[in-house]
Amino acid sequence: MKPYRTNMSIVADMLEATRKRTGITTILQKANLPHNRAIKLIRDLVKSGLVIEDEGQYNLSPTGLTFLAEHNRYKAVAESFGLRL
């Protein structure tokens, strides 16, 4: 059985999906989330400044890009010690 994803890995998947300007449907597919959960998370990401919303399209902000890079770096270090994030 595949292990559940953590909230941080879901957020990272959503940020990864918004690297290029995209709509909510693409984000749903790339992050593999149901619509209601994705809408709530994307609103939180916009409110926190990690994602920019423009006319129904979403794009990763510079702050979001920094956050995603740091998350990936931290994940690599943790995995090198045998930890799962």
C-alpha atoms as a PDB file:
ATOM      1  CA  MET A   1       0.000   0.000   0.000  1.00  0.00           C
ATOM      2  CA  LYS A   2       1.312   3.430  -0.937  1.00  0.00           C
ATOM      3  CA  PRO A   3       1.924   5.694   2.089  1.00  0.00           C
ATOM      4  CA  TYR A   4      -0.169   8.819   2.533  1.00  0.00           C
ATOM      5  CA  ARG A   5       1.310  12.134   1.480  1.00  0.00           C
ATOM      6  CA  THR A   6       2.094  14.718   4.109  1.00  0.00           C
ATOM      7  CA  ASN A   7       0.583  18.199   3.972  1.00  0.00           C
ATOM      8  CA  MET A   8       3.986  19.596   3.038  1.00  0.00           C
ATOM      9  CA  SER A   9       4.339  17.205   0.118  1.00  0.00           C
ATOM     10  CA  ILE A  10       0.860  18.207  -1.110  1.00  0.00           C
ATOM     11  CA  VAL A  11       1.781  21.895  -0.866  1.00  0.00           C
ATOM     12  CA  ALA A  12       5.041  21.187  -2.708  1.00  0.00           C
ATOM     13  CA  ASP A  13       3.118  19.367  -5.458  1.00  0.00           C
ATOM     14  CA  MET A  14       0.778  22.341  -5.820  1.00  0.00           C
ATOM     15  CA  LEU A  15       3.674  24.797  -5.956  1.00  0.00           C
ATOM     16  CA  GLU A  16       5.415  22.614  -8.534  1.00  0.00           C
ATOM     17  CA  ALA A  17       2.204  22.628 -10.611  1.00  0.00           C
ATOM     18  CA  THR A  18       2.135  26.445 -10.604  1.00  0.00           C
ATOM     19  CA  ARG A  19       5.710  26.954 -11.847  1.00  0.00           C
ATOM     20  CA  LYS A  20       4.149  28.003 -15.156  1.00  0.00           C
ATOM     21  CA  ARG A  21       0.957  30.043 -15.371  1.00  0.00           C
ATOM     22  CA  THR A  22      -1.844  27.510 -15.178  1.00  0.00           C
ATOM     23  CA  GLY A  23      -5.504  27.021 -14.357  1.00  0.00           C
ATOM     24  CA  ILE A  24      -7.064  25.138 -11.474  1.00  0.00           C
ATOM     25  CA  THR A  25      -7.796  22.023 -13.552  1.00  0.00           C
ATOM     26  CA  THR A  26      -4.120  21.484 -14.330  1.00  0.00           C
ATOM     27  CA  ILE A  27      -3.239  22.018 -10.684  1.00  0.00           C
ATOM     28  CA  LEU A  28      -5.857  19.420  -9.678  1.00  0.00           C
ATOM     29  CA  GLN A  29      -4.381  16.888 -12.075  1.00  0.00           C
ATOM     30  CA  LYS A  30      -0.709  17.490 -11.282  1.00  0.00           C
ATOM     31  CA  ALA A  31      -1.236  17.574  -7.508  1.00  0.00           C
ATOM     32  CA  ASN A  32      -3.763  14.707  -7.641  1.00  0.00           C
ATOM     33  CA  LEU A  33      -6.288  16.433  -5.365  1.00  0.00           C
ATOM     34  CA  PRO A  34     -10.077  16.703  -5.276  1.00  0.00           C
ATOM     35  CA  HIS A  35     -11.478  20.072  -6.339  1.00  0.00           C
ATOM     36  CA  ASN A  36     -12.724  21.227  -2.926  1.00  0.00           C
ATOM     37  CA  ARG A  37      -9.408  20.533  -1.205  1.00  0.00           C
ATOM     38  CA  ALA A  38      -7.358  22.099  -3.997  1.00  0.00           C
ATOM     39  CA  ILE A  39      -9.463  25.276  -3.937  1.00  0.00           C
ATOM     40  CA  LYS A  40      -8.940  25.674  -0.180  1.00  0.00           C
ATOM     41  CA  LEU A  41      -5.187  25.072  -0.468  1.00  0.00           C
ATOM     42  CA  ILE A  42      -4.710  27.378  -3.455  1.00  0.00           C
ATOM     43  CA  ARG A  43      -6.530  30.165  -1.578  1.00  0.00           C
ATOM     44  CA  ASP A  44      -4.188  29.651   1.375  1.00  0.00           C
ATOM     45  CA  LEU A  45      -1.156  29.733  -0.938  1.00  0.00           C
ATOM     46  CA  VAL A  46      -2.358  32.952  -2.571  1.00  0.00           C
ATOM     47  CA  LYS A  47      -3.062  34.519   0.831  1.00  0.00           C
ATOM     48  CA  SER A  48       0.417  33.585   2.080  1.00  0.00           C
ATOM     49  CA  GLY A  49       2.063  35.070  -1.026  1.00  0.00           C
ATOM     50  CA  LEU A  50       3.508  31.820  -2.386  1.00  0.00           C
ATOM     51  CA  VAL A  51       1.251  31.840  -5.459  1.00  0.00           C
ATOM     52  CA  ILE A  52      -0.020  34.769  -7.547  1.00  0.00           C
ATOM     53  CA  GLU A  53      -3.575  34.691  -8.934  1.00  0.00           C
ATOM     54  CA  ASP A  54      -4.388  36.612 -12.108  1.00  0.00           C
ATOM     55  CA  GLU A  55      -7.727  36.220 -13.903  1.00  0.00           C
ATOM     56  CA  GLY A  56      -8.267  32.645 -12.741  1.00  0.00           C
ATOM     57  CA  GLN A  57      -4.707  31.627 -13.586  1.00  0.00           C
ATOM     58  CA  TYR A  58      -2.096  30.804 -10.975  1.00  0.00           C
ATOM     59  CA  ASN A  59       1.650  31.309 -11.059  1.00  0.00           C
ATOM     60  CA  LEU A  60       4.435  30.661  -8.574  1.00  0.00           C
ATOM     61  CA  SER A  61       5.665  33.871  -6.904  1.00  0.00           C
ATOM     62  CA  PRO A  62       9.351  34.558  -6.240  1.00  0.00           C
ATOM     63  CA  THR A  63       8.696  33.781  -2.567  1.00  0.00           C
ATOM     64  CA  GLY A  64       7.010  30.528  -3.594  1.00  0.00           C
ATOM     65  CA  LEU A  65       9.974  29.608  -5.765  1.00  0.00           C
ATOM     66  CA  THR A  66      12.332  30.175  -2.819  1.00  0.00           C
ATOM     67  CA  PHE A  67      10.054  28.146  -0.534  1.00  0.00           C
ATOM     68  CA  LEU A  68       9.897  25.262  -3.022  1.00  0.00           C
ATOM     69  CA  ALA A  69      13.679  25.241  -3.497  1.00  0.00           C
ATOM     70  CA  GLU A  70      14.245  25.163   0.275  1.00  0.00           C
ATOM     71  CA  HIS A  71      11.644  22.418   0.703  1.00  0.00           C
ATOM     72  CA  ASN A  72      13.334  20.285  -1.949  1.00  0.00           C
ATOM     73  CA  ARG A  73      16.741  20.871  -0.360  1.00  0.00           C
ATOM     74  CA  TYR A  74      15.425  19.934   3.090  1.00  0.00           C
ATOM     75  CA  LYS A  75      13.697  16.867   1.663  1.00  0.00           C
ATOM     76  CA  ALA A  76      16.940  15.688   0.044  1.00  0.00           C
ATOM     77  CA  VAL A  77      18.846  16.066   3.328  1.00  0.00           C
ATOM     78  CA  ALA A  78      16.131  14.233   5.274  1.00  0.00           C
ATOM     79  CA  GLU A  79      16.043  11.390   2.743  1.00  0.00           C
ATOM     80  CA  SER A  80      19.818  11.066   2.957  1.00  0.00           C
ATOM     81  CA  PHE A  81      19.294  10.189   6.620  1.00  0.00           C
ATOM     82  CA  GLY A  82      16.542   7.717   5.770  1.00  0.00           C
ATOM     83  CA  LEU A  83      13.681   9.978   6.854  1.00  0.00           C
ATOM     84  CA  ARG A  84      10.454  10.380   4.904  1.00  0.00           C
ATOM     85  CA  LEU A  85       8.798  13.797   4.677  1.00  0.00           C
END
